[in-house]
Each structure stands twice: as C-alpha cells, then as structure tokens.
Amino acid sequence: MRCPACGHENRDSASFCASCGAALVGRCAQRGAELPLAARFCDVCGAPVAGGVAPQPPPSPALEPPSAEAATTSHASRSERRPLTVLFCDLVGSTPLSTQLDPEDLAEVLRAYYQACAVVVEQFGGHVARIIGDGLLVYFGYPVAHEDDPQRAVRAGLGIAAALGRLDDGFRRERNVHLAARVGIHTGLVVVGEMRSGDA
C-alpha cells in the first residue's frame, strides 16, 4: 500500500506508514470502523471519513532531469502561504530510561509510545511529519487544513497525555518504568512547499 503523504510502499496490512507515520486507512467518524483509504464517506452509515486522504497517483517520470532554473521555478510555484499549527511532544526522562532498560525493551516502549501518539494525532486530523529520537513533530494544517487546526492540536495534546497515562499504568506494573510527555504547540503563518528535490 503506497502512503499518500510520502509515497513509501508499505505492507498491505499496514495501518500507518513505516516511513512517515501517516495513517493508511480512513475511519468512519460515527462508528470508528476502518475503511479503504480512498473512501470519503462510510459505506454503511454515510458519515464522513475521519482523517481520510485520497491517495495521490505517483508522479509520472520525467524524460530528462529539469534544469536548475526550472526546478527552482517549479518548487516556488508549489509553495504556498498558510497558517500552520505545529505540535511537538517528547518523552520526559528518556535519557535515564535508555540506561535503565535493555535496548530491545526500550525499543518496545518507544514503539508503544509512537503508536499511541500516532493514533491520537490521526483522530484529530494531524500529520506526523517527523520522528526525532523520542520526539514527534506534528503538523495541523498541512497537508490537509481545517478551520479549527489550533483547537485540534490542543485536543491532540490532551489526548496524548491521556494515552500516555494509560501506557504508564501498564509499564509501571510490568517494568517499573514511568512514562510522561511534554507537549508544546505553536501557531503561525508559514510558507510550505518543497525546498529542494528528493524527500524534503
């Protein structure tokens, strides 16, 4: 299954992109049932799909590489000015945690943390742009914009705190590990678009 956000090819059974963390399935806003990625409305109750993004066709290959001037013009023409809300969250005390746990156990904790955060972000229509160590950089307003993106980001931040509280209960009992996260949110005008060729 090709990711609509970054183009990475994932397993057919994947729910999230292994490269960028974007959701690969839509969900019914009423029932929460998984639906095909291209679905815009639930095929049972007719409700809109929560966080659904229609897959984009892969770009057709160019016959010859564009000149530097053409590439610059092309990137500039795809850039746009828009409001963006950025959420960043990271684990509290991750450095001591890395010395306390075996690397495989730490990887399991981090996987559970990333998954819990990604589920909440998807629920509120955000996009996990990057995972940096134990931090997640999340966009609200790009690639899909909503009028209430700042409120969605705040709700997602609160949802992440609640989800980590539930994870913390389990990890405290099983491994004597405490999980908590810091969340920061900022909103402002940005110019979004490709700055260079490749994956950036």
Protein backbone atom coordinates (compact mmCIF):
# COMPACT_ATOMS: atom_id res chain seq x y z
CA MET A 1 0.00 0.00 0.00
CA ARG A 2 1.51 3.34 -1.07
CA CYS A 3 1.50 6.14 1.53
CA PRO A 4 -0.43 9.20 0.25
CA ALA A 5 1.79 11.53 2.28
CA CYS A 6 5.32 10.39 1.36
CA GLY A 7 4.87 7.72 -1.35
CA HIS A 8 6.55 4.94 0.67
CA GLU A 9 5.40 1.43 -0.26
CA ASN A 10 4.03 -0.36 2.85
CA ARG A 11 2.67 -3.84 3.56
CA ASP A 12 -1.00 -4.33 2.55
CA SER A 13 -1.95 -4.95 6.19
CA ALA A 14 -0.30 -1.73 7.47
CA SER A 15 -2.44 0.91 9.19
CA PHE A 16 0.34 3.52 9.39
CA CYS A 17 3.24 4.36 7.06
CA ALA A 18 6.54 2.84 8.18
CA SER A 19 8.41 5.83 6.76
CA CYS A 20 6.46 8.90 7.96
CA GLY A 21 3.79 7.56 10.36
CA ALA A 22 0.82 8.85 8.30
CA ALA A 23 -2.46 6.93 8.52
CA LEU A 24 -3.03 4.45 5.69
CA VAL A 25 -6.69 3.76 6.45
CA GLY A 26 -9.69 6.02 6.87
CA ARG A 27 -12.10 5.72 9.78
CA CYS A 28 -15.83 6.30 9.97
CA ALA A 29 -16.40 9.40 12.13
CA GLN A 30 -19.54 7.79 13.63
CA ARG A 31 -18.59 4.15 14.11
CA GLY A 32 -14.77 4.28 14.04
CA ALA A 33 -14.63 1.36 11.60
CA GLU A 34 -11.67 1.11 9.22
CA LEU A 35 -12.45 1.96 5.61
CA PRO A 36 -10.43 1.96 2.39
CA LEU A 37 -8.03 4.91 2.20
CA ALA A 38 -9.80 6.42 -0.81
CA ALA A 39 -13.21 6.38 0.96
CA ARG A 40 -14.60 9.81 1.75
CA PHE A 41 -17.80 8.52 3.37
CA CYS A 42 -18.66 5.38 5.34
CA ASP A 43 -20.26 2.73 3.10
CA VAL A 44 -22.58 1.62 5.94
CA CYS A 45 -23.86 4.78 7.65
CA GLY A 46 -22.81 7.56 5.23
CA ALA A 47 -20.78 9.51 7.82
CA PRO A 48 -17.64 11.34 6.62
CA VAL A 49 -14.33 9.55 7.00
CA ALA A 50 -12.23 10.93 9.87
CA GLY A 51 -8.80 11.98 8.66
CA GLY A 52 -9.29 10.34 5.26
CA VAL A 53 -6.98 11.45 2.49
CA ALA A 54 -7.49 10.32 -1.07
CA PRO A 55 -4.33 8.66 -2.34
CA GLN A 56 -2.37 10.66 -4.87
CA PRO A 57 -1.19 8.94 -8.03
CA PRO A 58 2.59 8.54 -8.24
CA PRO A 59 4.26 11.25 -10.29
CA SER A 60 4.97 10.32 -13.88
CA PRO A 61 8.70 10.03 -14.54
CA ALA A 62 10.27 12.92 -16.41
CA LEU A 63 12.01 12.14 -19.67
CA GLU A 64 15.02 14.23 -18.70
CA PRO A 65 16.02 15.99 -15.48
CA PRO A 66 14.87 19.63 -15.33
CA SER A 67 17.39 22.42 -15.36
CA ALA A 68 18.29 24.09 -12.04
CA GLU A 69 16.28 27.17 -13.07
CA ALA A 70 13.22 25.08 -13.97
CA ALA A 71 13.47 23.14 -10.71
CA THR A 72 13.64 26.37 -8.69
CA THR A 73 10.63 27.80 -10.52
CA SER A 74 8.73 24.53 -10.09
CA HIS A 75 9.41 24.37 -6.33
CA ALA A 76 8.49 28.03 -5.86
CA SER A 77 5.22 27.57 -7.74
CA ARG A 78 4.27 24.67 -5.43
CA SER A 79 4.92 26.71 -2.29
CA GLU A 80 2.06 28.45 -0.57
CA ARG A 81 1.49 30.71 2.41
CA ARG A 82 -0.88 29.28 5.01
CA PRO A 83 -1.49 29.14 8.76
CA LEU A 84 0.12 26.12 10.39
CA THR A 85 -0.11 24.72 13.89
CA VAL A 86 2.87 22.65 14.99
CA LEU A 87 2.76 20.25 17.92
CA PHE A 88 5.95 18.78 19.33
CA CYS A 89 5.95 16.14 22.03
CA ASP A 90 8.78 14.22 23.63
CA LEU A 91 9.21 11.75 26.47
CA VAL A 92 10.20 13.07 29.88
CA GLY A 93 13.39 11.42 31.20
CA SER A 94 14.17 9.42 28.08
CA THR A 95 17.94 9.57 28.67
CA PRO A 96 17.79 7.91 32.12
CA LEU A 97 15.24 5.48 30.67
CA SER A 98 17.74 4.44 27.98
CA THR A 99 20.28 3.50 30.67
CA GLN A 100 17.66 1.71 32.79
CA LEU A 101 16.30 -0.58 30.06
CA ASP A 102 17.77 -3.16 27.73
CA PRO A 103 17.83 -1.76 24.14
CA GLU A 104 15.13 -4.21 22.99
CA ASP A 105 12.90 -3.28 25.94
CA LEU A 106 13.48 0.41 25.23
CA ALA A 107 12.54 -0.14 21.58
CA GLU A 108 9.29 -1.81 22.70
CA VAL A 109 8.47 1.14 24.99
CA LEU A 110 9.22 3.64 22.20
CA ARG A 111 7.10 1.69 19.70
CA ALA A 112 4.15 1.74 22.09
CA TYR A 113 4.68 5.49 22.68
CA TYR A 114 4.88 6.29 18.93
CA GLN A 115 1.80 4.17 18.19
CA ALA A 116 -0.25 5.77 20.99
CA CYS A 117 0.69 9.26 19.78
CA ALA A 118 0.03 8.43 16.10
CA VAL A 119 -3.47 7.12 16.88
CA VAL A 120 -4.38 10.34 18.72
CA VAL A 121 -2.85 12.56 16.02
CA GLU A 122 -4.82 10.73 13.32
CA GLN A 123 -8.02 11.04 15.35
CA PHE A 124 -7.72 14.85 15.27
CA GLY A 125 -6.61 15.14 11.64
CA GLY A 126 -2.93 15.89 12.24
CA HIS A 127 0.09 14.67 10.29
CA VAL A 128 3.20 13.19 11.92
CA ALA A 129 5.86 15.00 9.88
CA ARG A 130 8.92 13.57 11.58
CA ILE A 131 10.10 11.42 14.48
CA ILE A 132 13.27 12.83 16.02
CA GLY A 133 14.64 10.50 18.69
CA ASP A 134 11.87 10.37 21.29
CA GLY A 135 10.13 13.45 19.86
CA LEU A 136 7.31 13.71 17.34
CA LEU A 137 6.85 16.75 15.11
CA VAL A 138 3.19 17.01 14.09
CA TYR A 139 1.51 19.40 11.64
CA PHE A 140 -2.08 20.57 11.84
CA GLY A 141 -2.94 22.48 8.69
CA TYR A 142 -0.61 20.65 6.30
CA PRO A 143 -1.02 18.70 4.11
CA VAL A 144 -4.75 18.91 4.95
CA ALA A 145 -6.10 22.13 6.50
CA HIS A 146 -9.10 22.55 8.81
CA GLU A 147 -10.58 25.79 10.13
CA ASP A 148 -10.06 24.62 13.71
CA ASP A 149 -6.49 23.26 13.43
CA PRO A 150 -5.25 25.04 16.61
CA GLN A 151 -8.11 23.51 18.64
CA ARG A 152 -7.42 20.12 17.08
CA ALA A 153 -3.77 20.40 18.13
CA VAL A 154 -4.71 21.25 21.72
CA ARG A 155 -7.15 18.34 21.86
CA ALA A 156 -4.49 16.06 20.40
CA GLY A 157 -2.01 17.23 23.06
CA LEU A 158 -4.51 16.44 25.80
CA GLY A 159 -5.28 13.10 24.12
CA ILE A 160 -1.57 12.22 24.01
CA ALA A 161 -1.26 13.00 27.73
CA ALA A 162 -4.26 10.75 28.47
CA ALA A 163 -2.97 7.93 26.22
CA LEU A 164 0.45 8.04 27.88
CA GLY A 165 -1.24 7.94 31.28
CA ARG A 166 -2.81 4.63 30.28
CA LEU A 167 0.51 3.34 28.90
CA ASP A 168 2.25 4.46 32.08
CA ASP A 169 -0.07 2.34 34.23
CA GLY A 170 0.87 -0.80 32.30
CA PHE A 171 4.60 -0.12 32.08
CA ARG A 172 4.82 0.75 35.81
CA ARG A 173 3.34 -2.63 36.70
CA GLU A 174 5.29 -4.66 34.14
CA ARG A 175 8.70 -2.95 34.04
CA ASN A 176 8.75 -0.33 36.80
CA VAL A 177 9.02 2.33 34.07
CA HIS A 178 7.38 5.77 34.30
CA LEU A 179 6.16 7.38 31.05
CA ALA A 180 5.19 11.03 30.67
CA ALA A 181 5.47 13.51 27.81
CA ARG A 182 5.93 17.24 27.30
CA VAL A 183 3.79 18.83 24.60
CA GLY A 184 4.38 22.23 23.02
CA ILE A 185 2.10 23.87 20.43
CA HIS A 186 2.61 26.95 18.28
CA THR A 187 0.52 28.52 15.51
CA GLY A 188 1.64 30.99 12.87
CA LEU A 189 1.89 31.79 9.17
CA VAL A 190 4.37 29.78 7.14
CA VAL A 191 5.32 29.16 3.54
CA VAL A 192 5.05 25.44 2.86
CA GLY A 193 6.40 23.59 -0.13
CA GLU A 194 9.40 21.76 -1.44
CA MET A 195 12.70 23.47 -0.65
CA ARG A 196 14.78 21.04 -2.68
CA SER A 197 14.39 17.87 -4.69
CA GLY A 198 14.22 14.43 -3.11
CA ASP A 199 12.28 13.56 0.02
CA ALA A 200 12.43 17.01 1.67
